[in-house]
Amino acid sequence: MNRRTWLGAAAAALLLSACGFHLRGVGGEVRPLPFSSVWLATGATQLHPHLERQLRFRPDVQMVSQPQAAEAILTVTDERTAKDILTINRGGKVNEYELTYRVTVRVTKNGVGYGEPITVMTRREFSYTDSQVLGKEQEEQLLFRDMREDAATQIVRRLAALKPVVELPDAGKKP
């Protein structure tokens, strides 16, 4: 490697680190979750393995196998997928679809709802051709799997920022 290339690479690395750039999941501050153990009450949802993997990556939380042993219970209250036509050609055939994945989770801590429900929605667009039906079905399945992984990542990030719901006392009641 010549001297100019080396100096250019060093300058680029210095500039990128000075502006705060870092790869996702590498460096930076990771907020701790507001609980130390969690049980996933996700049932047979397709999100379960993705959410479990994201939580196992966290050193500050332990996955437990029984709800009684958990400080918090994470429940999937709604999970929906949709496939909508995005564009059509002059012949009236579909050119592109938009895939939507929406999931809502609720955290219960010590038997009481903790924070507001978390809703995450991810969308992807993909082109469609009648001549490649099998390939496009596989692409659709891969996109939905990627969307579930993305949703699980977003949910875990939002869990770290979750604040408990504070109930204000009624003004008419005397303490």
N, C-alpha and C. Protein backbone atom coordinates (compact mmCIF):
# COMPACT_ATOMS: atom_id res chain seq x y z
N MET A 1 0.86 -1.17 0.00
CA MET A 1 0.00 0.00 0.00
C MET A 1 0.91 1.23 0.00
N ASN A 2 0.62 2.15 -0.92
CA ASN A 2 1.49 3.32 -0.96
C ASN A 2 1.08 4.35 0.10
N ARG A 3 1.91 5.33 0.24
CA ARG A 3 1.74 6.32 1.31
C ARG A 3 0.46 7.14 1.17
N ARG A 4 0.11 7.54 -0.06
CA ARG A 4 -1.11 8.33 -0.29
C ARG A 4 -2.36 7.55 0.09
N THR A 5 -2.42 6.33 -0.31
CA THR A 5 -3.58 5.49 0.03
C THR A 5 -3.72 5.34 1.53
N TRP A 6 -2.59 5.09 2.19
CA TRP A 6 -2.61 4.92 3.64
C TRP A 6 -3.06 6.20 4.33
N LEU A 7 -2.53 7.35 3.91
CA LEU A 7 -2.92 8.63 4.50
C LEU A 7 -4.39 8.94 4.23
N GLY A 8 -4.87 8.62 3.03
CA GLY A 8 -6.29 8.84 2.71
C GLY A 8 -7.20 8.00 3.58
N ALA A 9 -6.83 6.73 3.77
CA ALA A 9 -7.64 5.85 4.61
C ALA A 9 -7.62 6.31 6.07
N ALA A 10 -6.46 6.75 6.54
CA ALA A 10 -6.36 7.24 7.92
C ALA A 10 -7.19 8.51 8.11
N ALA A 11 -7.15 9.41 7.13
CA ALA A 11 -7.94 10.65 7.21
C ALA A 11 -9.43 10.35 7.20
N ALA A 12 -9.85 9.41 6.34
CA ALA A 12 -11.27 9.05 6.28
C ALA A 12 -11.72 8.44 7.60
N ALA A 13 -10.92 7.56 8.18
CA ALA A 13 -11.27 6.95 9.47
C ALA A 13 -11.36 8.00 10.56
N LEU A 14 -10.44 8.93 10.56
CA LEU A 14 -10.44 10.00 11.56
C LEU A 14 -11.67 10.88 11.42
N LEU A 15 -12.01 11.26 10.19
CA LEU A 15 -13.19 12.10 9.97
C LEU A 15 -14.48 11.38 10.34
N LEU A 16 -14.59 10.10 9.99
CA LEU A 16 -15.81 9.35 10.33
C LEU A 16 -15.97 9.19 11.83
N SER A 17 -14.88 8.91 12.52
CA SER A 17 -14.99 8.75 13.98
C SER A 17 -15.26 10.09 14.66
N ALA A 18 -14.77 11.18 14.09
CA ALA A 18 -14.98 12.50 14.68
C ALA A 18 -16.43 12.95 14.57
N CYS A 19 -17.14 12.49 13.54
CA CYS A 19 -18.53 12.91 13.38
C CYS A 19 -19.49 12.01 14.16
N GLY A 20 -18.99 10.99 14.82
CA GLY A 20 -19.84 10.12 15.62
C GLY A 20 -20.34 8.90 14.87
N PHE A 21 -19.89 8.68 13.65
CA PHE A 21 -20.33 7.53 12.87
C PHE A 21 -19.83 6.24 13.50
N HIS A 22 -20.70 5.25 13.57
CA HIS A 22 -20.30 3.90 13.95
C HIS A 22 -21.32 2.93 13.39
N LEU A 23 -20.88 1.71 13.19
CA LEU A 23 -21.78 0.68 12.67
C LEU A 23 -22.84 0.37 13.70
N ARG A 24 -24.04 0.02 13.22
CA ARG A 24 -25.13 -0.30 14.13
C ARG A 24 -24.73 -1.50 14.98
N GLY A 25 -24.91 -1.37 16.28
CA GLY A 25 -24.59 -2.45 17.20
C GLY A 25 -23.13 -2.49 17.62
N VAL A 26 -22.30 -1.62 17.07
CA VAL A 26 -20.89 -1.59 17.42
C VAL A 26 -20.59 -0.24 18.04
N GLY A 27 -20.06 -0.25 19.23
CA GLY A 27 -19.73 1.01 19.89
C GLY A 27 -20.98 1.77 20.27
N GLY A 28 -20.78 2.98 20.68
CA GLY A 28 -21.93 3.79 21.08
C GLY A 28 -22.48 3.31 22.41
N GLU A 29 -23.42 4.05 22.92
CA GLU A 29 -24.02 3.72 24.20
C GLU A 29 -25.23 2.81 24.00
N VAL A 30 -25.28 1.72 24.72
CA VAL A 30 -26.42 0.81 24.67
C VAL A 30 -27.21 1.03 25.95
N ARG A 31 -28.44 1.46 25.80
CA ARG A 31 -29.28 1.69 26.98
C ARG A 31 -29.68 0.36 27.60
N PRO A 32 -29.62 0.27 28.91
CA PRO A 32 -30.06 -0.97 29.56
C PRO A 32 -31.58 -1.08 29.52
N LEU A 33 -32.05 -2.30 29.52
CA LEU A 33 -33.49 -2.53 29.56
C LEU A 33 -34.00 -2.27 30.98
N PRO A 34 -35.27 -1.88 31.13
CA PRO A 34 -35.80 -1.56 32.46
C PRO A 34 -36.14 -2.79 33.31
N PHE A 35 -35.67 -3.95 32.90
CA PHE A 35 -35.90 -5.18 33.65
C PHE A 35 -34.71 -6.10 33.42
N SER A 36 -34.49 -7.03 34.36
CA SER A 36 -33.32 -7.91 34.25
C SER A 36 -33.67 -9.31 33.74
N SER A 37 -34.94 -9.68 33.81
CA SER A 37 -35.36 -10.98 33.28
C SER A 37 -36.69 -10.82 32.57
N VAL A 38 -36.87 -11.60 31.51
CA VAL A 38 -38.09 -11.46 30.69
C VAL A 38 -38.56 -12.83 30.23
N TRP A 39 -39.86 -12.95 30.11
CA TRP A 39 -40.50 -14.14 29.55
C TRP A 39 -41.30 -13.69 28.34
N LEU A 40 -41.13 -14.40 27.23
CA LEU A 40 -41.85 -14.05 26.01
C LEU A 40 -43.17 -14.80 25.94
N ALA A 41 -44.26 -14.06 26.00
CA ALA A 41 -45.60 -14.65 25.85
C ALA A 41 -46.06 -14.40 24.42
N THR A 42 -45.24 -14.87 23.48
CA THR A 42 -45.54 -14.60 22.08
C THR A 42 -46.26 -15.76 21.41
N GLY A 43 -46.40 -16.86 22.12
CA GLY A 43 -47.11 -18.00 21.55
C GLY A 43 -46.46 -18.50 20.28
N ALA A 44 -47.30 -18.78 19.29
CA ALA A 44 -46.81 -19.33 18.03
C ALA A 44 -46.63 -18.26 16.97
N THR A 45 -46.38 -17.03 17.38
CA THR A 45 -46.20 -15.96 16.40
C THR A 45 -44.90 -16.16 15.64
N GLN A 46 -44.85 -15.64 14.45
CA GLN A 46 -43.64 -15.75 13.64
C GLN A 46 -42.55 -14.81 14.13
N LEU A 47 -42.91 -13.88 14.99
CA LEU A 47 -41.93 -12.94 15.54
C LEU A 47 -41.09 -13.57 16.65
N HIS A 48 -41.61 -14.59 17.31
CA HIS A 48 -40.97 -15.17 18.50
C HIS A 48 -39.48 -15.47 18.33
N PRO A 49 -39.06 -16.25 17.32
CA PRO A 49 -37.62 -16.56 17.25
C PRO A 49 -36.75 -15.33 17.02
N HIS A 50 -37.25 -14.35 16.29
CA HIS A 50 -36.48 -13.13 16.03
C HIS A 50 -36.34 -12.30 17.31
N LEU A 51 -37.44 -12.18 18.04
CA LEU A 51 -37.42 -11.40 19.28
C LEU A 51 -36.55 -12.09 20.33
N GLU A 52 -36.65 -13.40 20.39
CA GLU A 52 -35.82 -14.16 21.34
C GLU A 52 -34.33 -13.98 21.03
N ARG A 53 -33.97 -14.03 19.76
CA ARG A 53 -32.57 -13.86 19.36
C ARG A 53 -32.07 -12.46 19.74
N GLN A 54 -32.87 -11.43 19.49
CA GLN A 54 -32.47 -10.07 19.82
C GLN A 54 -32.28 -9.89 21.33
N LEU A 55 -33.16 -10.50 22.12
CA LEU A 55 -33.05 -10.38 23.58
C LEU A 55 -31.87 -11.18 24.12
N ARG A 56 -31.55 -12.31 23.50
CA ARG A 56 -30.40 -13.11 23.95
C ARG A 56 -29.07 -12.40 23.67
N PHE A 57 -29.05 -11.50 22.68
CA PHE A 57 -27.84 -10.73 22.39
C PHE A 57 -27.55 -9.72 23.50
N ARG A 58 -28.55 -9.38 24.27
CA ARG A 58 -28.40 -8.35 25.31
C ARG A 58 -27.75 -8.96 26.55
N PRO A 59 -26.64 -8.39 27.03
CA PRO A 59 -26.00 -8.94 28.23
C PRO A 59 -26.73 -8.55 29.52
N ASP A 60 -27.61 -7.54 29.45
CA ASP A 60 -28.27 -7.03 30.66
C ASP A 60 -29.61 -7.68 30.95
N VAL A 61 -30.03 -8.65 30.15
CA VAL A 61 -31.33 -9.29 30.38
C VAL A 61 -31.19 -10.81 30.23
N GLN A 62 -31.94 -11.51 31.05
CA GLN A 62 -31.92 -12.97 31.03
C GLN A 62 -33.28 -13.48 30.58
N MET A 63 -33.29 -14.42 29.65
CA MET A 63 -34.53 -15.05 29.20
C MET A 63 -34.86 -16.17 30.19
N VAL A 64 -36.10 -16.22 30.64
CA VAL A 64 -36.51 -17.28 31.56
C VAL A 64 -37.58 -18.14 30.90
N SER A 65 -37.71 -19.37 31.39
CA SER A 65 -38.65 -20.30 30.77
C SER A 65 -40.02 -20.32 31.44
N GLN A 66 -40.16 -19.69 32.59
CA GLN A 66 -41.44 -19.65 33.30
C GLN A 66 -41.82 -18.20 33.58
N PRO A 67 -43.09 -17.85 33.41
CA PRO A 67 -43.50 -16.46 33.67
C PRO A 67 -43.34 -16.04 35.13
N GLN A 68 -43.41 -16.99 36.06
CA GLN A 68 -43.28 -16.66 37.48
C GLN A 68 -41.87 -16.19 37.81
N ALA A 69 -40.88 -16.63 37.05
CA ALA A 69 -39.49 -16.27 37.32
C ALA A 69 -39.08 -14.96 36.65
N ALA A 70 -39.97 -14.39 35.86
CA ALA A 70 -39.62 -13.18 35.09
C ALA A 70 -40.01 -11.91 35.81
N GLU A 71 -39.15 -10.92 35.68
CA GLU A 71 -39.47 -9.59 36.20
C GLU A 71 -40.46 -8.89 35.27
N ALA A 72 -40.36 -9.20 33.97
CA ALA A 72 -41.27 -8.60 32.98
C ALA A 72 -41.75 -9.68 32.01
N ILE A 73 -42.96 -9.49 31.52
CA ILE A 73 -43.54 -10.39 30.53
C ILE A 73 -43.81 -9.57 29.27
N LEU A 74 -43.31 -10.06 28.16
CA LEU A 74 -43.49 -9.39 26.87
C LEU A 74 -44.52 -10.17 26.07
N THR A 75 -45.64 -9.52 25.75
CA THR A 75 -46.75 -10.18 25.07
C THR A 75 -47.00 -9.54 23.72
N VAL A 76 -47.11 -10.36 22.67
CA VAL A 76 -47.49 -9.86 21.36
C VAL A 76 -49.02 -9.82 21.34
N THR A 77 -49.56 -8.61 21.23
CA THR A 77 -51.02 -8.45 21.25
C THR A 77 -51.62 -8.41 19.86
N ASP A 78 -50.81 -8.09 18.85
CA ASP A 78 -51.33 -8.02 17.48
C ASP A 78 -50.17 -8.21 16.50
N GLU A 79 -50.40 -9.02 15.48
CA GLU A 79 -49.40 -9.25 14.44
C GLU A 79 -50.14 -9.39 13.11
N ARG A 80 -49.82 -8.53 12.16
CA ARG A 80 -50.52 -8.54 10.87
C ARG A 80 -49.54 -8.39 9.72
N THR A 81 -49.87 -9.05 8.63
CA THR A 81 -49.13 -8.87 7.39
C THR A 81 -50.11 -8.45 6.31
N ALA A 82 -49.62 -7.69 5.33
CA ALA A 82 -50.46 -7.27 4.22
C ALA A 82 -49.62 -7.22 2.95
N LYS A 83 -50.28 -7.47 1.84
CA LYS A 83 -49.64 -7.40 0.53
C LYS A 83 -50.56 -6.57 -0.35
N ASP A 84 -50.12 -5.38 -0.70
CA ASP A 84 -50.94 -4.46 -1.49
C ASP A 84 -50.28 -4.19 -2.83
N ILE A 85 -51.12 -3.97 -3.84
CA ILE A 85 -50.62 -3.62 -5.17
C ILE A 85 -50.11 -2.19 -5.12
N LEU A 86 -48.90 -2.00 -5.58
CA LEU A 86 -48.30 -0.68 -5.58
C LEU A 86 -48.40 -0.03 -6.96
N THR A 87 -48.01 -0.76 -8.00
CA THR A 87 -48.13 -0.23 -9.37
C THR A 87 -48.61 -1.32 -10.31
N ILE A 88 -49.26 -0.88 -11.38
CA ILE A 88 -49.69 -1.81 -12.44
C ILE A 88 -49.20 -1.25 -13.77
N ASN A 89 -49.08 -2.14 -14.77
CA ASN A 89 -48.64 -1.69 -16.08
C ASN A 89 -49.84 -1.34 -16.95
N ARG A 90 -49.60 -0.98 -18.19
CA ARG A 90 -50.69 -0.58 -19.09
C ARG A 90 -51.66 -1.72 -19.36
N GLY A 91 -51.18 -2.93 -19.29
CA GLY A 91 -52.04 -4.09 -19.54
C GLY A 91 -52.86 -4.48 -18.31
N GLY A 92 -52.71 -3.76 -17.22
CA GLY A 92 -53.47 -4.05 -16.01
C GLY A 92 -52.85 -5.12 -15.14
N LYS A 93 -51.61 -5.49 -15.43
CA LYS A 93 -50.93 -6.51 -14.62
C LYS A 93 -50.06 -5.82 -13.57
N VAL A 94 -49.87 -6.51 -12.47
CA VAL A 94 -49.12 -5.96 -11.35
C VAL A 94 -47.63 -5.86 -11.69
N ASN A 95 -47.06 -4.70 -11.41
CA ASN A 95 -45.61 -4.49 -11.56
C ASN A 95 -44.90 -4.56 -10.22
N GLU A 96 -45.52 -3.98 -9.18
CA GLU A 96 -44.90 -3.93 -7.86
C GLU A 96 -45.94 -4.15 -6.77
N TYR A 97 -45.47 -4.78 -5.70
CA TYR A 97 -46.28 -4.95 -4.50
C TYR A 97 -45.61 -4.22 -3.35
N GLU A 98 -46.42 -3.86 -2.36
CA GLU A 98 -45.89 -3.33 -1.11
C GLU A 98 -46.27 -4.31 0.00
N LEU A 99 -45.27 -4.79 0.71
CA LEU A 99 -45.49 -5.70 1.83
C LEU A 99 -45.45 -4.89 3.12
N THR A 100 -46.39 -5.16 4.02
CA THR A 100 -46.44 -4.46 5.29
C THR A 100 -46.49 -5.49 6.42
N TYR A 101 -45.68 -5.26 7.42
CA TYR A 101 -45.70 -6.10 8.62
C TYR A 101 -45.89 -5.18 9.81
N ARG A 102 -46.91 -5.46 10.61
CA ARG A 102 -47.22 -4.62 11.77
C ARG A 102 -47.37 -5.52 12.99
N VAL A 103 -46.71 -5.12 14.08
CA VAL A 103 -46.78 -5.90 15.31
C VAL A 103 -46.89 -4.94 16.50
N THR A 104 -47.69 -5.36 17.48
CA THR A 104 -47.85 -4.60 18.71
C THR A 104 -47.50 -5.50 19.88
N VAL A 105 -46.65 -5.00 20.78
CA VAL A 105 -46.27 -5.76 21.97
C VAL A 105 -46.58 -4.93 23.21
N ARG A 106 -46.79 -5.63 24.29
CA ARG A 106 -47.12 -4.99 25.58
C ARG A 106 -46.21 -5.58 26.64
N VAL A 107 -45.69 -4.73 27.50
CA VAL A 107 -44.82 -5.17 28.59
C VAL A 107 -45.60 -5.11 29.90
N THR A 108 -45.55 -6.20 30.64
CA THR A 108 -46.14 -6.25 31.97
C THR A 108 -45.00 -6.48 32.95
N LYS A 109 -44.89 -5.58 33.92
CA LYS A 109 -43.81 -5.69 34.90
C LYS A 109 -44.45 -5.82 36.28
N ASN A 110 -44.14 -6.92 36.96
CA ASN A 110 -44.71 -7.20 38.29
C ASN A 110 -46.24 -7.19 38.25
N GLY A 111 -46.80 -7.72 37.18
CA GLY A 111 -48.25 -7.84 37.06
C GLY A 111 -48.98 -6.59 36.62
N VAL A 112 -48.26 -5.51 36.38
CA VAL A 112 -48.88 -4.24 35.99
C VAL A 112 -48.31 -3.83 34.63
N GLY A 113 -49.17 -3.26 33.77
CA GLY A 113 -48.71 -2.78 32.48
C GLY A 113 -47.60 -1.76 32.65
N TYR A 114 -46.54 -1.91 31.90
CA TYR A 114 -45.38 -1.03 32.01
C TYR A 114 -45.24 -0.25 30.71
N GLY A 115 -45.48 1.04 30.77
CA GLY A 115 -45.38 1.86 29.57
C GLY A 115 -46.54 1.64 28.62
N GLU A 116 -46.49 2.33 27.53
CA GLU A 116 -47.50 2.21 26.49
C GLU A 116 -47.18 1.00 25.61
N PRO A 117 -48.19 0.42 24.96
CA PRO A 117 -47.89 -0.66 24.00
C PRO A 117 -46.96 -0.15 22.90
N ILE A 118 -46.10 -1.01 22.42
CA ILE A 118 -45.15 -0.66 21.37
C ILE A 118 -45.66 -1.23 20.05
N THR A 119 -45.86 -0.36 19.07
CA THR A 119 -46.29 -0.79 17.74
C THR A 119 -45.18 -0.47 16.75
N VAL A 120 -44.81 -1.47 15.97
CA VAL A 120 -43.77 -1.31 14.95
C VAL A 120 -44.37 -1.73 13.62
N MET A 121 -44.13 -0.90 12.60
CA MET A 121 -44.60 -1.24 11.26
C MET A 121 -43.42 -1.12 10.30
N THR A 122 -43.20 -2.17 9.51
CA THR A 122 -42.15 -2.14 8.50
C THR A 122 -42.79 -2.38 7.14
N ARG A 123 -42.20 -1.76 6.13
CA ARG A 123 -42.72 -1.89 4.77
C ARG A 123 -41.57 -2.18 3.82
N ARG A 124 -41.87 -2.97 2.81
CA ARG A 124 -40.92 -3.25 1.74
C ARG A 124 -41.69 -3.26 0.42
N GLU A 125 -41.01 -2.86 -0.63
CA GLU A 125 -41.57 -2.91 -1.97
C GLU A 125 -40.79 -3.95 -2.75
N PHE A 126 -41.50 -4.68 -3.64
CA PHE A 126 -40.77 -5.58 -4.51
C PHE A 126 -41.48 -5.69 -5.85
N SER A 127 -40.66 -5.84 -6.89
CA SER A 127 -41.20 -5.94 -8.25
C SER A 127 -41.77 -7.34 -8.45
N TYR A 128 -42.71 -7.43 -9.39
CA TYR A 128 -43.37 -8.71 -9.63
C TYR A 128 -43.45 -8.96 -11.12
N THR A 129 -43.20 -10.20 -11.52
CA THR A 129 -43.32 -10.62 -12.91
C THR A 129 -44.02 -11.97 -12.93
N ASP A 130 -45.03 -12.10 -13.80
CA ASP A 130 -45.76 -13.37 -13.90
C ASP A 130 -44.86 -14.52 -14.34
N SER A 131 -43.80 -14.22 -15.06
CA SER A 131 -42.93 -15.28 -15.57
C SER A 131 -42.01 -15.85 -14.49
N GLN A 132 -41.95 -15.20 -13.32
CA GLN A 132 -41.07 -15.66 -12.24
C GLN A 132 -41.85 -15.87 -10.95
N VAL A 133 -42.98 -16.55 -11.03
CA VAL A 133 -43.88 -16.68 -9.89
C VAL A 133 -43.20 -17.36 -8.70
N LEU A 134 -42.54 -18.49 -8.92
CA LEU A 134 -41.91 -19.22 -7.80
C LEU A 134 -40.80 -18.40 -7.15
N GLY A 135 -39.99 -17.76 -7.96
CA GLY A 135 -38.92 -16.93 -7.42
C GLY A 135 -39.45 -15.75 -6.63
N LYS A 136 -40.53 -15.16 -7.11
CA LYS A 136 -41.11 -14.01 -6.42
C LYS A 136 -41.78 -14.42 -5.12
N GLU A 137 -42.34 -15.64 -5.06
CA GLU A 137 -42.90 -16.14 -3.80
C GLU A 137 -41.80 -16.31 -2.76
N GLN A 138 -40.66 -16.84 -3.19
CA GLN A 138 -39.53 -16.99 -2.27
C GLN A 138 -39.01 -15.63 -1.83
N GLU A 139 -38.95 -14.68 -2.77
CA GLU A 139 -38.50 -13.34 -2.42
C GLU A 139 -39.45 -12.71 -1.40
N GLU A 140 -40.75 -12.92 -1.58
CA GLU A 140 -41.73 -12.38 -0.63
C GLU A 140 -41.53 -12.97 0.76
N GLN A 141 -41.30 -14.28 0.84
CA GLN A 141 -41.07 -14.92 2.13
C GLN A 141 -39.80 -14.39 2.79
N LEU A 142 -38.75 -14.20 2.00
CA LEU A 142 -37.50 -13.65 2.54
C LEU A 142 -37.68 -12.22 3.03
N LEU A 143 -38.45 -11.44 2.29
CA LEU A 143 -38.70 -10.06 2.71
C LEU A 143 -39.49 -10.01 4.02
N PHE A 144 -40.50 -10.87 4.15
CA PHE A 144 -41.27 -10.91 5.40
C PHE A 144 -40.38 -11.34 6.57
N ARG A 145 -39.49 -12.31 6.34
CA ARG A 145 -38.58 -12.74 7.40
C ARG A 145 -37.66 -11.58 7.81
N ASP A 146 -37.15 -10.86 6.82
CA ASP A 146 -36.30 -9.70 7.09
C ASP A 146 -37.08 -8.61 7.84
N MET A 147 -38.34 -8.43 7.50
CA MET A 147 -39.17 -7.43 8.16
C MET A 147 -39.42 -7.81 9.62
N ARG A 148 -39.61 -9.10 9.89
CA ARG A 148 -39.79 -9.55 11.28
C ARG A 148 -38.51 -9.34 12.09
N GLU A 149 -37.37 -9.60 11.47
CA GLU A 149 -36.08 -9.37 12.16
C GLU A 149 -35.89 -7.88 12.45
N ASP A 150 -36.22 -7.05 11.48
CA ASP A 150 -36.13 -5.60 11.66
C ASP A 150 -37.08 -5.13 12.76
N ALA A 151 -38.29 -5.67 12.77
CA ALA A 151 -39.27 -5.29 13.81
C ALA A 151 -38.77 -5.71 15.19
N ALA A 152 -38.19 -6.90 15.31
CA ALA A 152 -37.67 -7.36 16.60
C ALA A 152 -36.55 -6.45 17.09
N THR A 153 -35.68 -6.02 16.19
CA THR A 153 -34.61 -5.09 16.56
C THR A 153 -35.18 -3.77 17.06
N GLN A 154 -36.17 -3.25 16.34
CA GLN A 154 -36.80 -1.99 16.75
C GLN A 154 -37.50 -2.12 18.10
N ILE A 155 -38.16 -3.25 18.33
CA ILE A 155 -38.87 -3.46 19.59
C ILE A 155 -37.88 -3.44 20.76
N VAL A 156 -36.76 -4.14 20.62
CA VAL A 156 -35.78 -4.19 21.71
C VAL A 156 -35.20 -2.80 21.96
N ARG A 157 -34.95 -2.03 20.90
CA ARG A 157 -34.48 -0.65 21.09
C ARG A 157 -35.51 0.19 21.83
N ARG A 158 -36.77 0.02 21.47
CA ARG A 158 -37.83 0.80 22.12
C ARG A 158 -38.05 0.35 23.56
N LEU A 159 -37.81 -0.93 23.84
CA LEU A 159 -37.92 -1.40 25.22
C LEU A 159 -36.92 -0.67 26.12
N ALA A 160 -35.74 -0.40 25.59
CA ALA A 160 -34.72 0.29 26.37
C ALA A 160 -35.13 1.72 26.68
N ALA A 161 -35.98 2.31 25.86
CA ALA A 161 -36.43 3.69 26.07
C ALA A 161 -37.79 3.77 26.75
N LEU A 162 -38.34 2.64 27.13
CA LEU A 162 -39.68 2.58 27.70
C LEU A 162 -39.72 3.24 29.08
N LYS A 163 -40.70 4.06 29.28
CA LYS A 163 -40.91 4.73 30.57
C LYS A 163 -42.21 4.21 31.18
N PRO A 164 -42.25 4.03 32.49
CA PRO A 164 -43.49 3.55 33.11
C PRO A 164 -44.59 4.60 33.00
N VAL A 165 -45.82 4.12 32.92
CA VAL A 165 -46.96 5.03 32.88
C VAL A 165 -47.18 5.56 34.29
N VAL A 166 -47.20 6.87 34.41
CA VAL A 166 -47.40 7.51 35.71
C VAL A 166 -48.84 8.00 35.77
N GLU A 167 -49.57 7.49 36.74
CA GLU A 167 -50.95 7.92 36.90
C GLU A 167 -50.99 9.14 37.80
N LEU A 168 -51.63 10.19 37.31
CA LEU A 168 -51.76 11.41 38.09
C LEU A 168 -52.95 11.29 39.02
N PRO A 169 -52.83 11.78 40.24
CA PRO A 169 -53.97 11.72 41.16
C PRO A 169 -55.08 12.64 40.67
N ASP A 170 -56.32 12.24 40.94
CA ASP A 170 -57.47 13.06 40.56
C ASP A 170 -57.45 14.35 41.35
N ALA A 171 -57.81 15.45 40.68
CA ALA A 171 -57.81 16.76 41.33
C ALA A 171 -58.93 16.86 42.36
N GLY A 172 -60.02 16.10 42.16
CA GLY A 172 -61.16 16.18 43.06
C GLY A 172 -60.98 15.39 44.35
N LYS A 173 -60.06 14.44 44.35
CA LYS A 173 -59.86 13.62 45.54
C LYS A 173 -58.85 14.28 46.47
N LYS A 174 -59.10 14.13 47.75
CA LYS A 174 -58.16 14.64 48.75
C LYS A 174 -57.23 13.50 49.16
N PRO A 175 -55.95 13.81 49.30
CA PRO A 175 -55.00 12.75 49.68
C PRO A 175 -55.18 12.28 51.09
